[in-house]
Amino acid sequence: MEHLLRRAVRGTHDHLLDLGCGDGTWLLRALQAHDGTTAVGVDISGAGFDHVLGEAARLGLADRLELRRQDVAGYRSDRKADLVLSVGAAYAFGGLLPTLTAAREHLADDGMLLLGDCFWEREPDPAVRAEMENGPQTYADLPTTVAQVVADGWTPVYGYISTIAEWDEYEWCWTGTLARWGLDNPGHPDSDRALRMSADHRAGWLGGYRGFLGFVVLLLRRTPPPA
């Protein structure tokens, strides 16, 4: 993500908006790397906000970072962003195309969008597809995904496809963090639930979508109208 941000943040006073920011870590890193930038992150969870805001204060960046606990679909701002980020949050808007529509509303005329979403590396088993597409969001192969973005009025200027090793690292960290917490807190009422969630997710990943589901991050600009 850091090398993508280096391509995406163009000005010394750019304003960033992350729709579905997680704990806000990536915005904090962007502010550290780019003097003068400001950032707002929005996420319905708010988990980790206190830690990241504390780090921002320690680094002297507190006045440049705002984190808001809110449903991203309902967020409105009176300041347009030079860079809108939405990485892995399309489900919150109901899919890829609604995410593009939402991002466009927040984006300055010459701004860029850093969009991350899943795609099918290869056609999955019907059961795997049904499990991964059990909500409003569906996935396509990579050429179709990019074509959908282009047809919606965007031009990709860069992209990055996660490797299988990066996927594995993410999944092992995700499931391992839950499992470690459950094992370290045997008397907590949520300990068994955390261990079950870890085991269920690990089984669904290793026995299901691993090697089928990919992830791409696209750096996009608006396509100008025909001359």
C-alpha atoms as a PDB file:
ATOM      1  CA  MET A   1       0.000   0.000   0.000  1.00  0.00           C
ATOM      2  CA  GLU A   2       2.823   2.424   0.746  1.00  0.00           C
ATOM      3  CA  HIS A   3       4.157   2.329  -2.819  1.00  0.00           C
ATOM      4  CA  LEU A   4       0.614   2.923  -4.062  1.00  0.00           C
ATOM      5  CA  LEU A   5       0.267   5.935  -1.789  1.00  0.00           C
ATOM      6  CA  ARG A   6       3.509   7.350  -3.147  1.00  0.00           C
ATOM      7  CA  ARG A   7       1.923   7.321  -6.602  1.00  0.00           C
ATOM      8  CA  ALA A   8      -1.437   8.604  -5.390  1.00  0.00           C
ATOM      9  CA  VAL A   9      -0.483  11.535  -3.157  1.00  0.00           C
ATOM     10  CA  ARG A  10       0.651  14.228  -5.582  1.00  0.00           C
ATOM     11  CA  GLY A  11       0.597  17.519  -3.682  1.00  0.00           C
ATOM     12  CA  THR A  12       2.087  18.709  -0.409  1.00  0.00           C
ATOM     13  CA  HIS A  13      -1.351  19.770   0.817  1.00  0.00           C
ATOM     14  CA  ASP A  14      -3.501  16.925  -0.503  1.00  0.00           C
ATOM     15  CA  HIS A  15      -6.582  15.950   1.483  1.00  0.00           C
ATOM     16  CA  LEU A  16      -7.242  12.211   1.834  1.00  0.00           C
ATOM     17  CA  LEU A  17     -10.514  10.445   2.607  1.00  0.00           C
ATOM     18  CA  ASP A  18     -10.550   6.732   3.430  1.00  0.00           C
ATOM     19  CA  LEU A  19     -13.996   5.127   3.224  1.00  0.00           C
ATOM     20  CA  GLY A  20     -13.704   1.963   5.293  1.00  0.00           C
ATOM     21  CA  CYS A  21     -10.398   2.860   6.901  1.00  0.00           C
ATOM     22  CA  GLY A  22     -10.130   0.032   9.438  1.00  0.00           C
ATOM     23  CA  ASP A  23      -8.132   1.402  12.354  1.00  0.00           C
ATOM     24  CA  GLY A  24      -6.678   4.225  10.238  1.00  0.00           C
ATOM     25  CA  THR A  25      -3.109   2.896  10.092  1.00  0.00           C
ATOM     26  CA  TRP A  26      -2.676   3.545   6.371  1.00  0.00           C
ATOM     27  CA  LEU A  27      -3.754   7.153   6.737  1.00  0.00           C
ATOM     28  CA  LEU A  28      -1.266   7.605   9.557  1.00  0.00           C
ATOM     29  CA  ARG A  29       1.504   6.229   7.352  1.00  0.00           C
ATOM     30  CA  ALA A  30       0.455   8.548   4.529  1.00  0.00           C
ATOM     31  CA  LEU A  31       0.669  11.565   6.833  1.00  0.00           C
ATOM     32  CA  GLN A  32       4.100  10.489   8.044  1.00  0.00           C
ATOM     33  CA  ALA A  33       5.355  10.221   4.468  1.00  0.00           C
ATOM     34  CA  HIS A  34       3.764  13.377   3.090  1.00  0.00           C
ATOM     35  CA  ASP A  35       4.181  16.633   4.994  1.00  0.00           C
ATOM     36  CA  GLY A  36       1.213  18.971   4.829  1.00  0.00           C
ATOM     37  CA  THR A  37      -1.383  16.359   3.878  1.00  0.00           C
ATOM     38  CA  THR A  38      -4.557  15.968   5.914  1.00  0.00           C
ATOM     39  CA  ALA A  39      -6.776  12.907   6.222  1.00  0.00           C
ATOM     40  CA  VAL A  40     -10.191  11.732   7.361  1.00  0.00           C
ATOM     41  CA  GLY A  41     -10.964   8.062   7.907  1.00  0.00           C
ATOM     42  CA  VAL A  42     -14.460   6.641   8.264  1.00  0.00           C
ATOM     43  CA  ASP A  43     -15.325   3.162   9.503  1.00  0.00           C
ATOM     44  CA  ILE A  44     -18.346   1.685  11.211  1.00  0.00           C
ATOM     45  CA  SER A  45     -16.218  -0.293  13.671  1.00  0.00           C
ATOM     46  CA  GLY A  46     -13.903   2.213  15.274  1.00  0.00           C
ATOM     47  CA  ALA A  47     -11.732  -0.620  16.596  1.00  0.00           C
ATOM     48  CA  GLY A  48      -8.168   0.579  16.961  1.00  0.00           C
ATOM     49  CA  PHE A  49      -9.015   4.261  16.566  1.00  0.00           C
ATOM     50  CA  ASP A  50      -7.735   5.164  20.032  1.00  0.00           C
ATOM     51  CA  HIS A  51      -4.367   3.518  19.407  1.00  0.00           C
ATOM     52  CA  VAL A  52      -3.847   5.160  16.014  1.00  0.00           C
ATOM     53  CA  LEU A  53      -4.955   8.571  17.260  1.00  0.00           C
ATOM     54  CA  GLY A  54      -2.572   8.168  20.176  1.00  0.00           C
ATOM     55  CA  GLU A  55       0.254   7.413  17.750  1.00  0.00           C
ATOM     56  CA  ALA A  56      -0.720  10.451  15.696  1.00  0.00           C
ATOM     57  CA  ALA A  57      -0.504  12.619  18.805  1.00  0.00           C
ATOM     58  CA  ARG A  58       2.882  11.141  19.719  1.00  0.00           C
ATOM     59  CA  LEU A  59       4.191  11.924  16.222  1.00  0.00           C
ATOM     60  CA  GLY A  60       2.776  15.446  16.186  1.00  0.00           C
ATOM     61  CA  LEU A  61       0.190  14.609  13.525  1.00  0.00           C
ATOM     62  CA  ALA A  62      -2.994  14.791  15.582  1.00  0.00           C
ATOM     63  CA  ASP A  63      -4.143  18.023  13.953  1.00  0.00           C
ATOM     64  CA  ARG A  64      -3.952  16.417  10.490  1.00  0.00           C
ATOM     65  CA  LEU A  65      -5.883  13.180  11.160  1.00  0.00           C
ATOM     66  CA  GLU A  66      -9.566  12.712  11.918  1.00  0.00           C
ATOM     67  CA  LEU A  67     -11.149   9.289  12.414  1.00  0.00           C
ATOM     68  CA  ARG A  68     -14.924   8.998  12.455  1.00  0.00           C
ATOM     69  CA  ARG A  69     -16.952   6.006  13.590  1.00  0.00           C
ATOM     70  CA  GLN A  70     -19.820   6.010  11.124  1.00  0.00           C
ATOM     71  CA  ASP A  71     -21.452   4.007   8.344  1.00  0.00           C
ATOM     72  CA  VAL A  72     -19.466   4.971   5.254  1.00  0.00           C
ATOM     73  CA  ALA A  73     -22.539   4.819   3.036  1.00  0.00           C
ATOM     74  CA  GLY A  74     -24.097   7.662   4.994  1.00  0.00           C
ATOM     75  CA  TYR A  75     -20.985   9.800   5.370  1.00  0.00           C
ATOM     76  CA  ARG A  76     -21.048  13.289   3.860  1.00  0.00           C
ATOM     77  CA  SER A  77     -18.281  15.867   3.820  1.00  0.00           C
ATOM     78  CA  ASP A  78     -18.210  19.517   2.773  1.00  0.00           C
ATOM     79  CA  ARG A  79     -14.589  19.193   1.613  1.00  0.00           C
ATOM     80  CA  LYS A  80     -13.669  17.367  -1.575  1.00  0.00           C
ATOM     81  CA  ALA A  81     -10.743  14.971  -1.355  1.00  0.00           C
ATOM     82  CA  ASP A  82      -7.691  14.928  -3.607  1.00  0.00           C
ATOM     83  CA  LEU A  83      -7.468  11.186  -2.960  1.00  0.00           C
ATOM     84  CA  VAL A  84     -10.316   8.894  -1.964  1.00  0.00           C
ATOM     85  CA  LEU A  85      -9.398   5.419  -0.715  1.00  0.00           C
ATOM     86  CA  SER A  86     -11.766   2.478  -0.505  1.00  0.00           C
ATOM     87  CA  VAL A  87      -9.855  -0.751  -0.088  1.00  0.00           C
ATOM     88  CA  GLY A  88     -11.795  -3.908   0.703  1.00  0.00           C
ATOM     89  CA  ALA A  89     -14.926  -1.986   1.694  1.00  0.00           C
ATOM     90  CA  ALA A  90     -17.183  -2.368  -1.354  1.00  0.00           C
ATOM     91  CA  TYR A  91     -19.550  -4.587   0.631  1.00  0.00           C
ATOM     92  CA  ALA A  92     -20.447  -1.530   2.749  1.00  0.00           C
ATOM     93  CA  PHE A  93     -21.819   0.207  -0.353  1.00  0.00           C
ATOM     94  CA  GLY A  94     -23.463  -2.855  -1.880  1.00  0.00           C
ATOM     95  CA  GLY A  95     -20.854  -3.722  -4.498  1.00  0.00           C
ATOM     96  CA  LEU A  96     -18.244  -2.372  -6.870  1.00  0.00           C
ATOM     97  CA  LEU A  97     -20.315   0.074  -8.916  1.00  0.00           C
ATOM     98  CA  PRO A  98     -22.068   1.697  -5.919  1.00  0.00           C
ATOM     99  CA  THR A  99     -18.609   2.164  -4.376  1.00  0.00           C
ATOM    100  CA  LEU A 100     -17.445   4.022  -7.471  1.00  0.00           C
ATOM    101  CA  THR A 101     -20.536   6.225  -7.330  1.00  0.00           C
ATOM    102  CA  ALA A 102     -19.969   7.036  -3.666  1.00  0.00           C
ATOM    103  CA  ALA A 103     -16.289   7.813  -4.209  1.00  0.00           C
ATOM    104  CA  ARG A 104     -17.076  10.149  -7.099  1.00  0.00           C
ATOM    105  CA  GLU A 105     -19.290  12.258  -4.838  1.00  0.00           C
ATOM    106  CA  HIS A 106     -16.390  12.902  -2.450  1.00  0.00           C
ATOM    107  CA  LEU A 107     -13.667  13.449  -5.033  1.00  0.00           C
ATOM    108  CA  ALA A 108     -12.209  16.731  -6.261  1.00  0.00           C
ATOM    109  CA  ASP A 109     -12.400  17.313 -10.018  1.00  0.00           C
ATOM    110  CA  ASP A 110      -8.765  16.335 -10.596  1.00  0.00           C
ATOM    111  CA  GLY A 111      -8.595  13.835  -7.737  1.00  0.00           C
ATOM    112  CA  MET A 112      -7.760  10.143  -7.783  1.00  0.00           C
ATOM    113  CA  LEU A 113      -9.385   7.048  -6.343  1.00  0.00           C
ATOM    114  CA  LEU A 114      -7.491   4.150  -4.800  1.00  0.00           C
ATOM    115  CA  LEU A 115      -9.917   1.234  -5.057  1.00  0.00           C
ATOM    116  CA  GLY A 116      -9.325  -2.268  -3.752  1.00  0.00           C
ATOM    117  CA  ASP A 117     -11.673  -5.181  -4.359  1.00  0.00           C
ATOM    118  CA  CYS A 118     -11.772  -8.941  -4.825  1.00  0.00           C
ATOM    119  CA  PHE A 119     -12.016 -10.805  -8.118  1.00  0.00           C
ATOM    120  CA  TRP A 120     -12.033 -14.442  -9.180  1.00  0.00           C
ATOM    121  CA  GLU A 121      -8.578 -15.673 -10.187  1.00  0.00           C
ATOM    122  CA  ARG A 122     -10.331 -18.720 -11.662  1.00  0.00           C
ATOM    123  CA  GLU A 123     -13.877 -19.997 -11.693  1.00  0.00           C
ATOM    124  CA  PRO A 124     -14.733 -21.324  -8.221  1.00  0.00           C
ATOM    125  CA  ASP A 125     -16.891 -24.261  -7.281  1.00  0.00           C
ATOM    126  CA  PRO A 126     -20.565 -23.276  -7.042  1.00  0.00           C
ATOM    127  CA  ALA A 127     -20.514 -23.801  -3.273  1.00  0.00           C
ATOM    128  CA  VAL A 128     -17.511 -21.505  -2.863  1.00  0.00           C
ATOM    129  CA  ARG A 129     -19.107 -18.832  -5.040  1.00  0.00           C
ATOM    130  CA  ALA A 130     -22.354 -19.057  -3.073  1.00  0.00           C
ATOM    131  CA  GLU A 131     -20.502 -18.694   0.221  1.00  0.00           C
ATOM    132  CA  MET A 132     -18.420 -15.701  -0.883  1.00  0.00           C
ATOM    133  CA  GLU A 133     -21.295 -13.962  -2.692  1.00  0.00           C
ATOM    134  CA  ASN A 134     -23.945 -14.417  -0.005  1.00  0.00           C
ATOM    135  CA  GLY A 135     -24.715 -10.684   0.152  1.00  0.00           C
ATOM    136  CA  PRO A 136     -25.281  -7.894  -2.371  1.00  0.00           C
ATOM    137  CA  GLN A 137     -21.718  -8.079  -3.694  1.00  0.00           C
ATOM    138  CA  THR A 138     -20.654 -10.376  -6.535  1.00  0.00           C
ATOM    139  CA  TYR A 139     -17.264 -10.832  -8.172  1.00  0.00           C
ATOM    140  CA  ALA A 140     -16.015 -11.281 -11.726  1.00  0.00           C
ATOM    141  CA  ASP A 141     -12.693 -12.222 -13.262  1.00  0.00           C
ATOM    142  CA  LEU A 142      -9.994  -9.555 -13.427  1.00  0.00           C
ATOM    143  CA  PRO A 143     -10.542  -8.429 -17.062  1.00  0.00           C
ATOM    144  CA  THR A 144     -14.268  -8.082 -16.446  1.00  0.00           C
ATOM    145  CA  THR A 145     -13.715  -6.239 -13.165  1.00  0.00           C
ATOM    146  CA  VAL A 146     -11.417  -3.701 -14.810  1.00  0.00           C
ATOM    147  CA  ALA A 147     -13.801  -3.374 -17.772  1.00  0.00           C
ATOM    148  CA  GLN A 148     -16.653  -2.564 -15.378  1.00  0.00           C
ATOM    149  CA  VAL A 149     -14.570   0.171 -13.780  1.00  0.00           C
ATOM    150  CA  VAL A 150     -13.624   1.629 -17.174  1.00  0.00           C
ATOM    151  CA  ALA A 151     -17.222   1.523 -18.390  1.00  0.00           C
ATOM    152  CA  ASP A 152     -18.230   3.505 -15.302  1.00  0.00           C
ATOM    153  CA  GLY A 153     -16.037   6.402 -16.413  1.00  0.00           C
ATOM    154  CA  TRP A 154     -12.655   5.706 -14.856  1.00  0.00           C
ATOM    155  CA  THR A 155      -9.161   5.242 -16.293  1.00  0.00           C
ATOM    156  CA  PRO A 156      -6.685   3.029 -14.408  1.00  0.00           C
ATOM    157  CA  VAL A 157      -3.259   4.669 -14.139  1.00  0.00           C
ATOM    158  CA  TYR A 158      -1.728   1.953 -11.954  1.00  0.00           C
ATOM    159  CA  GLY A 159      -2.652  -1.269 -10.240  1.00  0.00           C
ATOM    160  CA  TYR A 160      -1.396  -3.957  -7.913  1.00  0.00           C
ATOM    161  CA  ILE A 161      -2.534  -7.573  -7.591  1.00  0.00           C
ATOM    162  CA  SER A 162      -1.919  -9.283  -4.262  1.00  0.00           C
ATOM    163  CA  THR A 163       0.216 -12.409  -4.441  1.00  0.00           C
ATOM    164  CA  ILE A 164      -0.856 -15.734  -2.936  1.00  0.00           C
ATOM    165  CA  ALA A 165       1.852 -15.248  -0.297  1.00  0.00           C
ATOM    166  CA  GLU A 166       0.336 -11.897   0.699  1.00  0.00           C
ATOM    167  CA  TRP A 167      -3.125 -13.478   0.867  1.00  0.00           C
ATOM    168  CA  ASP A 168      -1.748 -16.270   3.053  1.00  0.00           C
ATOM    169  CA  GLU A 169      -0.018 -13.803   5.370  1.00  0.00           C
ATOM    170  CA  TYR A 170      -3.248 -11.840   5.749  1.00  0.00           C
ATOM    171  CA  GLU A 171      -5.345 -14.922   6.469  1.00  0.00           C
ATOM    172  CA  TRP A 172      -2.876 -16.464   8.929  1.00  0.00           C
ATOM    173  CA  CYS A 173      -2.698 -13.160  10.794  1.00  0.00           C
ATOM    174  CA  TRP A 174      -6.496 -12.803  10.788  1.00  0.00           C
ATOM    175  CA  THR A 175      -7.208 -16.294  12.078  1.00  0.00           C
ATOM    176  CA  GLY A 176      -4.129 -16.430  14.296  1.00  0.00           C
ATOM    177  CA  THR A 177      -4.932 -13.202  16.132  1.00  0.00           C
ATOM    178  CA  LEU A 178      -8.383 -14.509  17.038  1.00  0.00           C
ATOM    179  CA  ALA A 179      -7.035 -17.909  18.053  1.00  0.00           C
ATOM    180  CA  ARG A 180      -4.249 -16.398  20.164  1.00  0.00           C
ATOM    181  CA  TRP A 181      -6.698 -14.146  21.989  1.00  0.00           C
ATOM    182  CA  GLY A 182      -9.053 -17.042  22.679  1.00  0.00           C
ATOM    183  CA  LEU A 183      -6.237 -19.221  24.030  1.00  0.00           C
ATOM    184  CA  ASP A 184      -4.811 -16.401  26.137  1.00  0.00           C
ATOM    185  CA  ASN A 185      -8.181 -15.592  27.712  1.00  0.00           C
ATOM    186  CA  PRO A 186      -9.745 -18.978  28.575  1.00  0.00           C
ATOM    187  CA  GLY A 187     -12.043 -17.526  31.220  1.00  0.00           C
ATOM    188  CA  HIS A 188     -13.507 -14.803  29.019  1.00  0.00           C
ATOM    189  CA  PRO A 189     -17.120 -15.396  27.882  1.00  0.00           C
ATOM    190  CA  ASP A 190     -16.107 -14.746  24.253  1.00  0.00           C
ATOM    191  CA  SER A 191     -13.080 -17.075  24.274  1.00  0.00           C
ATOM    192  CA  ASP A 192     -14.867 -20.106  22.787  1.00  0.00           C
ATOM    193  CA  ARG A 193     -16.578 -17.931  20.210  1.00  0.00           C
ATOM    194  CA  ALA A 194     -13.248 -16.448  19.094  1.00  0.00           C
ATOM    195  CA  LEU A 195     -11.737 -19.906  18.713  1.00  0.00           C
ATOM    196  CA  ARG A 196     -14.753 -21.124  16.708  1.00  0.00           C
ATOM    197  CA  MET A 197     -14.637 -18.070  14.441  1.00  0.00           C
ATOM    198  CA  SER A 198     -10.935 -18.603  13.833  1.00  0.00           C
ATOM    199  CA  ALA A 199     -11.400 -22.281  13.024  1.00  0.00           C
ATOM    200  CA  ASP A 200     -14.414 -21.706  10.771  1.00  0.00           C
ATOM    201  CA  HIS A 201     -12.704 -18.937   8.812  1.00  0.00           C
ATOM    202  CA  ARG A 202      -9.508 -20.950   8.452  1.00  0.00           C
ATOM    203  CA  ALA A 203     -11.455 -23.943   7.128  1.00  0.00           C
ATOM    204  CA  GLY A 204     -13.402 -21.771   4.681  1.00  0.00           C
ATOM    205  CA  TRP A 205     -10.183 -20.219   3.404  1.00  0.00           C
ATOM    206  CA  LEU A 206      -7.984 -23.318   3.132  1.00  0.00           C
ATOM    207  CA  GLY A 207     -10.756 -25.603   1.959  1.00  0.00           C
ATOM    208  CA  GLY A 208     -12.638 -23.076  -0.122  1.00  0.00           C
ATOM    209  CA  TYR A 209     -11.545 -19.818  -1.741  1.00  0.00           C
ATOM    210  CA  ARG A 210      -7.750 -20.063  -1.392  1.00  0.00           C
ATOM    211  CA  GLY A 211      -6.293 -19.898  -4.912  1.00  0.00           C
ATOM    212  CA  PHE A 212      -9.632 -18.818  -6.374  1.00  0.00           C
ATOM    213  CA  LEU A 213     -10.239 -15.368  -4.892  1.00  0.00           C
ATOM    214  CA  GLY A 214      -7.801 -12.600  -5.747  1.00  0.00           C
ATOM    215  CA  PHE A 215      -7.466  -8.979  -4.706  1.00  0.00           C
ATOM    216  CA  VAL A 216      -6.576  -5.986  -6.864  1.00  0.00           C
ATOM    217  CA  VAL A 217      -5.936  -2.348  -5.982  1.00  0.00           C
ATOM    218  CA  LEU A 218      -6.475   0.135  -8.815  1.00  0.00           C
ATOM    219  CA  LEU A 219      -5.379   3.756  -8.921  1.00  0.00           C
ATOM    220  CA  LEU A 220      -8.045   5.557 -10.950  1.00  0.00           C
ATOM    221  CA  ARG A 221      -8.713   8.927 -12.498  1.00  0.00           C
ATOM    222  CA  ARG A 222     -11.912  10.143 -14.095  1.00  0.00           C
ATOM    223  CA  THR A 223     -12.037   9.529 -17.840  1.00  0.00           C
ATOM    224  CA  PRO A 224     -12.537  12.854 -19.654  1.00  0.00           C
ATOM    225  CA  PRO A 225     -15.508  13.142 -21.993  1.00  0.00           C
ATOM    226  CA  PRO A 226     -14.809  12.600 -25.697  1.00  0.00           C
ATOM    227  CA  ALA A 227     -13.442  15.645 -27.508  1.00  0.00           C
END
